Amino acid sequence: MDVLSSNSAVVGNASAAVLGTVQGSASLSILRKSMDLQESTAAQLLQALPQPALATSGTLGTRLNTYA
């Protein structure tokens, strides 16, 4: 499943729905759930990235942590 196209479809449906109706409320609820799922997936991906090793000797990178 292509995440970008599915998110675009959810956003399109939510923005086209009239907010005062049951369908509008349901579309907005699905949009929120989709965005929450995307947020948690992105957070998991960021946590899975390896942390770079800091330099411990030499003159390059031992005086200032430029990664932070």
C-alpha atoms as a PDB file:
ATOM      1  CA  MET A   1       0.000   0.000   0.000  1.00  0.00           C
ATOM      2  CA  ASP A   2       1.366   3.373  -0.933  1.00  0.00           C
ATOM      3  CA  VAL A   3       1.228   5.505   2.214  1.00  0.00           C
ATOM      4  CA  LEU A   4       1.391   8.812   0.356  1.00  0.00           C
ATOM      5  CA  SER A   5      -1.533   8.060  -1.930  1.00  0.00           C
ATOM      6  CA  SER A   6      -3.639   6.624   0.895  1.00  0.00           C
ATOM      7  CA  ASN A   7      -2.971   9.710   3.043  1.00  0.00           C
ATOM      8  CA  SER A   8      -3.839  11.953   0.114  1.00  0.00           C
ATOM      9  CA  ALA A   9      -7.105  10.096  -0.359  1.00  0.00           C
ATOM     10  CA  VAL A  10      -7.981  10.384   3.348  1.00  0.00           C
ATOM     11  CA  VAL A  11      -7.180  14.110   3.381  1.00  0.00           C
ATOM     12  CA  GLY A  12      -9.206  14.641   0.204  1.00  0.00           C
ATOM     13  CA  ASN A  13     -12.223  12.838   1.633  1.00  0.00           C
ATOM     14  CA  ALA A  14     -12.012  14.672   4.952  1.00  0.00           C
ATOM     15  CA  SER A  15     -11.693  18.087   3.336  1.00  0.00           C
ATOM     16  CA  ALA A  16     -14.608  17.435   0.953  1.00  0.00           C
ATOM     17  CA  ALA A  17     -17.000  16.337   3.711  1.00  0.00           C
ATOM     18  CA  VAL A  18     -19.352  18.794   5.343  1.00  0.00           C
ATOM     19  CA  LEU A  19     -18.262  19.145   8.971  1.00  0.00           C
ATOM     20  CA  GLY A  20     -21.789  19.359  10.405  1.00  0.00           C
ATOM     21  CA  THR A  21     -22.777  15.905   9.191  1.00  0.00           C
ATOM     22  CA  VAL A  22     -22.149  12.415  10.484  1.00  0.00           C
ATOM     23  CA  GLN A  23     -20.101  11.673   7.371  1.00  0.00           C
ATOM     24  CA  GLY A  24     -17.994  14.758   8.018  1.00  0.00           C
ATOM     25  CA  SER A  25     -17.375  13.723  11.616  1.00  0.00           C
ATOM     26  CA  ALA A  26     -16.435  10.203  10.533  1.00  0.00           C
ATOM     27  CA  SER A  27     -14.070  11.530   7.867  1.00  0.00           C
ATOM     28  CA  LEU A  28     -12.391  13.807  10.379  1.00  0.00           C
ATOM     29  CA  SER A  29     -12.046  10.938  12.850  1.00  0.00           C
ATOM     30  CA  ILE A  30     -10.422   8.731  10.201  1.00  0.00           C
ATOM     31  CA  LEU A  31      -8.087  11.576   9.244  1.00  0.00           C
ATOM     32  CA  ARG A  32      -6.982  11.985  12.873  1.00  0.00           C
ATOM     33  CA  LYS A  33      -6.397   8.243  13.268  1.00  0.00           C
ATOM     34  CA  SER A  34      -4.422   8.152  10.025  1.00  0.00           C
ATOM     35  CA  MET A  35      -2.246  11.055  11.133  1.00  0.00           C
ATOM     36  CA  ASP A  36      -1.675   9.461  14.561  1.00  0.00           C
ATOM     37  CA  LEU A  37      -0.615   6.219  12.890  1.00  0.00           C
ATOM     38  CA  GLN A  38       1.750   8.097  10.596  1.00  0.00           C
ATOM     39  CA  GLU A  39       3.223   9.964  13.573  1.00  0.00           C
ATOM     40  CA  SER A  40       3.891   6.774  15.531  1.00  0.00           C
ATOM     41  CA  THR A  41       5.427   5.069  12.487  1.00  0.00           C
ATOM     42  CA  ALA A  42       7.741   8.023  11.873  1.00  0.00           C
ATOM     43  CA  ALA A  43       8.774   8.065  15.540  1.00  0.00           C
ATOM     44  CA  GLN A  44       9.602   4.348  15.406  1.00  0.00           C
ATOM     45  CA  LEU A  45      11.696   4.870  12.275  1.00  0.00           C
ATOM     46  CA  LEU A  46      13.616   7.729  13.887  1.00  0.00           C
ATOM     47  CA  GLN A  47      14.299   5.662  17.006  1.00  0.00           C
ATOM     48  CA  ALA A  48      15.597   2.796  14.866  1.00  0.00           C
ATOM     49  CA  LEU A  49      18.324   4.959  13.323  1.00  0.00           C
ATOM     50  CA  PRO A  50      21.777   4.230  14.716  1.00  0.00           C
ATOM     51  CA  GLN A  51      23.452   6.971  16.717  1.00  0.00           C
ATOM     52  CA  PRO A  52      26.747   8.094  15.170  1.00  0.00           C
ATOM     53  CA  ALA A  53      29.879   7.496  17.198  1.00  0.00           C
ATOM     54  CA  LEU A  54      31.518  10.635  18.522  1.00  0.00           C
ATOM     55  CA  ALA A  55      35.173  11.287  17.854  1.00  0.00           C
ATOM     56  CA  THR A  56      37.427  10.524  20.812  1.00  0.00           C
ATOM     57  CA  SER A  57      40.830  11.474  19.455  1.00  0.00           C
ATOM     58  CA  GLY A  58      42.342  13.931  17.005  1.00  0.00           C
ATOM     59  CA  THR A  59      41.416  17.519  16.315  1.00  0.00           C
ATOM     60  CA  LEU A  60      38.346  16.940  14.183  1.00  0.00           C
ATOM     61  CA  GLY A  61      35.138  16.640  16.189  1.00  0.00           C
ATOM     62  CA  THR A  62      36.616  16.382  19.658  1.00  0.00           C
ATOM     63  CA  ARG A  63      36.051  19.954  20.737  1.00  0.00           C
ATOM     64  CA  LEU A  64      32.573  20.659  19.428  1.00  0.00           C
ATOM     65  CA  ASN A  65      29.718  18.215  18.953  1.00  0.00           C
ATOM     66  CA  THR A  66      28.418  19.407  15.609  1.00  0.00           C
ATOM     67  CA  TYR A  67      25.874  16.593  15.377  1.00  0.00           C
ATOM     68  CA  ALA A  68      23.797  18.026  18.212  1.00  0.00           C
END
